[in-house]
N, C-alpha and C. Protein backbone atom coordinates (compact mmCIF):
# COMPACT_ATOMS: atom_id res chain seq x y z
N MET A 1 0.74 -1.05 0.16
CA MET A 1 -0.12 -0.05 0.21
C MET A 1 0.99 1.25 -0.09
N SER A 2 0.44 2.23 -1.01
CA SER A 2 1.47 3.29 -1.01
C SER A 2 1.33 4.09 0.23
N GLY A 3 0.00 4.36 0.94
CA GLY A 3 -0.10 5.08 1.91
C GLY A 3 0.48 4.92 3.32
N CYS A 4 1.34 3.56 3.60
CA CYS A 4 2.33 3.10 4.57
C CYS A 4 3.73 3.40 4.42
N SER A 5 4.11 3.73 3.07
CA SER A 5 5.10 3.82 3.09
C SER A 5 5.72 5.48 3.36
N SER A 6 7.05 5.18 3.78
CA SER A 6 7.76 6.43 4.29
C SER A 6 7.72 7.45 3.21
N ALA A 7 7.32 8.54 3.29
CA ALA A 7 7.90 9.85 2.50
C ALA A 7 8.95 10.26 2.56
N PRO A 8 9.74 10.90 1.63
CA PRO A 8 11.06 11.53 1.59
C PRO A 8 10.89 13.10 2.78
N PRO A 9 11.96 12.67 3.67
CA PRO A 9 12.06 13.84 4.64
C PRO A 9 11.80 15.23 3.75
N SER A 10 11.33 16.45 4.47
CA SER A 10 10.91 17.51 4.13
C SER A 10 12.21 18.14 3.88
N PRO A 11 12.59 19.02 3.11
CA PRO A 11 13.73 19.77 3.08
C PRO A 11 13.51 21.17 4.49
N ALA A 12 14.98 21.52 4.91
CA ALA A 12 14.97 22.35 6.07
C ALA A 12 14.55 23.55 5.84
N PRO A 13 14.16 24.22 6.84
CA PRO A 13 13.16 25.60 6.28
C PRO A 13 14.36 26.86 5.96
N GLN A 14 14.19 27.42 5.13
CA GLN A 14 15.27 28.22 4.40
C GLN A 14 15.35 29.57 5.52
N ILE A 15 16.07 29.93 5.94
CA ILE A 15 16.58 31.01 6.91
C ILE A 15 16.95 32.52 5.72
N ILE A 16 15.92 33.44 6.03
CA ILE A 16 16.21 34.56 4.99
C ILE A 16 16.20 35.97 6.02
N ARG A 17 17.64 35.95 6.00
CA ARG A 17 18.09 37.40 6.83
C ARG A 17 17.96 38.68 5.87
N LEU A 18 17.24 39.44 6.69
CA LEU A 18 17.36 40.85 6.12
C LEU A 18 18.00 41.75 6.59
N THR A 19 19.08 42.25 5.65
CA THR A 19 20.45 42.95 6.07
C THR A 19 20.41 44.07 5.78
N CYS A 20 21.28 45.19 6.02
CA CYS A 20 21.66 46.42 5.38
C CYS A 20 22.88 46.15 4.50
N PRO A 21 22.52 47.10 3.50
CA PRO A 21 23.63 47.08 2.53
C PRO A 21 24.79 47.55 3.02
N ALA A 22 26.17 47.18 2.75
CA ALA A 22 27.06 47.51 3.36
C ALA A 22 27.77 48.78 2.71
N PRO A 23 28.16 49.74 3.55
CA PRO A 23 28.34 51.19 2.78
C PRO A 23 29.47 51.32 2.28
N ALA A 24 29.69 51.85 1.18
CA ALA A 24 30.69 52.35 0.35
C ALA A 24 32.24 52.92 1.03
N PRO A 25 32.94 52.64 0.96
CA PRO A 25 34.12 53.34 1.40
C PRO A 25 34.12 54.86 1.00
N CYS A 26 34.40 55.67 1.82
CA CYS A 26 34.19 57.23 1.57
C CYS A 26 35.51 57.48 1.24
N GLN A 27 35.30 58.74 0.29
CA GLN A 27 36.38 58.81 -0.49
C GLN A 27 36.90 60.35 -0.77
N LEU A 28 37.58 60.64 -0.34
CA LEU A 28 37.62 62.45 -0.67
C LEU A 28 38.52 62.67 -1.87
N PRO A 29 38.33 63.64 -2.56
CA PRO A 29 39.14 64.07 -3.81
C PRO A 29 40.60 64.68 -3.30
N ALA A 30 41.39 64.16 -4.71
CA ALA A 30 43.04 64.47 -3.98
C ALA A 30 42.83 65.97 -4.20
N ALA A 31 43.71 66.59 -3.89
CA ALA A 31 44.25 67.95 -3.58
C ALA A 31 45.50 68.35 -3.88
N SER A 32 45.41 69.22 -4.56
CA SER A 32 46.96 70.02 -4.89
C SER A 32 47.06 71.48 -5.14
N PRO A 33 45.97 72.55 -4.22
CA PRO A 33 45.58 73.50 -4.53
C PRO A 33 46.87 74.58 -4.72
N VAL A 34 47.08 75.60 -5.65
CA VAL A 34 48.32 76.23 -5.99
C VAL A 34 47.91 77.94 -5.51
N ASN A 35 46.58 77.79 -5.30
CA ASN A 35 46.11 79.39 -4.54
C ASN A 35 45.09 79.44 -4.28
N ASN A 36 44.82 80.37 -3.58
CA ASN A 36 43.70 80.72 -2.45
C ASN A 36 42.54 79.93 -3.22
N GLY A 37 42.01 80.26 -4.56
CA GLY A 37 41.07 80.16 -5.30
C GLY A 37 40.90 78.65 -5.17
N ASP A 38 42.09 77.88 -5.83
CA ASP A 38 41.89 76.28 -5.47
C ASP A 38 41.80 76.22 -4.22
N LEU A 39 42.31 76.59 -3.38
CA LEU A 39 41.97 75.95 -1.82
C LEU A 39 40.68 76.10 -1.28
N LEU A 40 39.76 77.34 -2.01
CA LEU A 40 38.56 77.25 -1.61
C LEU A 40 37.64 76.09 -2.54
N ASP A 41 37.93 76.07 -3.61
CA ASP A 41 37.30 75.19 -4.83
C ASP A 41 37.38 73.65 -3.90
N GLN A 42 38.93 73.31 -3.45
CA GLN A 42 38.86 72.24 -2.82
C GLN A 42 38.58 72.15 -1.16
N LEU A 43 38.03 72.96 -0.29
CA LEU A 43 37.37 72.85 0.43
C LEU A 43 35.34 72.42 0.30
N THR A 44 35.49 73.28 -1.06
CA THR A 44 33.82 73.04 -1.24
C THR A 44 33.87 71.53 -1.47
N GLN A 45 34.90 71.05 -2.68
CA GLN A 45 34.74 69.68 -2.81
C GLN A 45 34.67 68.75 -1.64
N THR A 46 35.77 68.99 -0.68
CA THR A 46 35.60 68.01 0.51
C THR A 46 34.78 68.11 1.20
N GLU A 47 33.91 69.16 1.09
CA GLU A 47 32.83 69.16 2.23
C GLU A 47 31.57 68.55 1.58
N ALA A 48 31.34 68.59 0.29
CA ALA A 48 30.48 67.63 -0.60
C ALA A 48 31.00 66.42 -0.05
N ALA A 49 31.97 66.01 -0.32
CA ALA A 49 32.30 64.17 -0.02
C ALA A 49 32.21 63.92 0.98
N TRP A 50 32.46 64.66 2.40
CA TRP A 50 32.01 64.49 3.85
C TRP A 50 30.68 64.36 3.84
N ALA A 51 29.98 65.21 2.79
CA ALA A 51 28.52 65.13 3.37
C ALA A 51 27.85 63.87 2.53
N THR A 52 28.44 63.36 1.17
CA THR A 52 28.01 62.00 0.52
C THR A 52 28.14 61.03 1.98
N CYS A 53 29.34 61.13 2.64
CA CYS A 53 30.07 60.02 3.22
C CYS A 53 29.27 60.18 4.60
N ALA A 54 28.54 61.15 4.97
CA ALA A 54 27.64 61.40 6.15
C ALA A 54 26.10 60.59 5.94
N ALA A 55 25.65 61.09 4.61
CA ALA A 55 24.41 60.42 4.15
C ALA A 55 24.78 58.92 4.26
N GLN A 56 25.85 58.38 3.84
CA GLN A 56 25.45 56.79 3.81
C GLN A 56 25.78 56.30 4.89
N VAL A 57 26.78 57.02 6.52
CA VAL A 57 26.62 56.31 7.65
C VAL A 57 25.16 56.67 8.12
N ASP A 58 24.13 57.88 7.84
CA ASP A 58 22.99 58.01 8.42
C ASP A 58 22.06 57.07 7.90
N SER A 59 22.12 56.79 6.35
CA SER A 59 21.01 55.78 5.92
C SER A 59 21.57 54.22 6.57
N LEU A 60 22.72 54.03 6.61
CA LEU A 60 23.04 52.59 7.45
C LEU A 60 22.71 52.60 8.74
N ILE A 61 22.60 53.66 9.44
CA ILE A 61 21.91 53.55 10.75
C ILE A 61 20.74 53.75 10.95
N ALA A 62 19.95 54.35 10.09
CA ALA A 62 18.42 54.07 9.87
C ALA A 62 17.73 52.45 9.23
N CYS A 63 18.65 52.27 8.71
CA CYS A 63 18.42 50.68 8.21
C CYS A 63 18.41 49.82 9.62
N GLN A 64 19.62 49.98 10.12
CA GLN A 64 19.86 49.20 11.20
C GLN A 64 18.84 49.12 12.45
N GLN A 65 18.46 50.55 12.57
CA GLN A 65 17.40 50.76 13.57
C GLN A 65 15.80 50.01 13.18
N ARG A 66 15.37 50.37 11.81
CA ARG A 66 14.57 49.61 11.48
C ARG A 66 14.39 47.94 11.57
N HIS A 67 15.69 47.48 11.51
CA HIS A 67 15.60 45.88 11.87
C HIS A 67 15.49 45.92 13.32
N GLN A 68 16.34 46.43 13.98
CA GLN A 68 16.50 46.48 15.34
C GLN A 68 14.86 46.74 15.77
N ASN A 69 14.25 47.59 15.44
CA ASN A 69 12.59 47.80 15.72
C ASN A 69 11.84 46.64 15.58
N GLY A 70 12.04 46.15 14.69
CA GLY A 70 11.46 44.75 13.74
C GLY A 70 11.59 43.40 14.71
N ARG A 71 12.58 43.79 15.08
CA ARG A 71 13.42 42.33 16.15
C ARG A 71 12.45 42.50 17.42
N GLU A 72 12.52 43.79 18.17
CA GLU A 72 11.81 44.15 19.14
C GLU A 72 10.28 44.09 19.16
N HIS A 73 9.91 43.90 18.06
CA HIS A 73 8.35 44.03 18.13
C HIS A 73 7.95 42.48 17.46
N GLY A 74 8.68 41.69 17.55
CA GLY A 74 8.79 40.33 17.11
C GLY A 74 7.97 40.38 15.16
N LYS A 75 8.32 41.27 14.69
CA LYS A 75 8.16 41.15 13.27
C LYS A 75 9.31 41.72 12.47
N ALA A 76 9.14 40.84 11.30
CA ALA A 76 10.43 41.54 10.41
C ALA A 76 10.17 42.70 9.38
N LYS A 77 11.03 43.41 9.22
CA LYS A 77 10.27 44.58 8.49
C LYS A 77 11.60 44.76 7.22
N THR A 78 11.04 45.28 6.34
CA THR A 78 11.83 44.80 5.03
C THR A 78 12.15 46.26 4.76
N ASP A 79 13.33 46.52 3.80
CA ASP A 79 13.84 48.10 3.37
C ASP A 79 13.09 48.25 2.10
N PRO A 80 12.83 49.43 2.17
CA PRO A 80 11.71 50.17 0.84
C PRO A 80 12.86 50.00 -0.42
């Protein structure tokens, strides 16, 4: 009888981890100012690079907080 035979074992459940993306390394532009105008331009470029880096860090922190809050409330949250 086929109803009495043993069925093959079920595969193990797959664990899916929701993770935050790894941040890209922050990079500052190379500098070799010759005069005050170049120095001012370099400062502007460096400040923009730091702002981009800070935005990446802030995004990573927000993602980690969303995942932490999801675990504390017993439910998984996905990233947008």
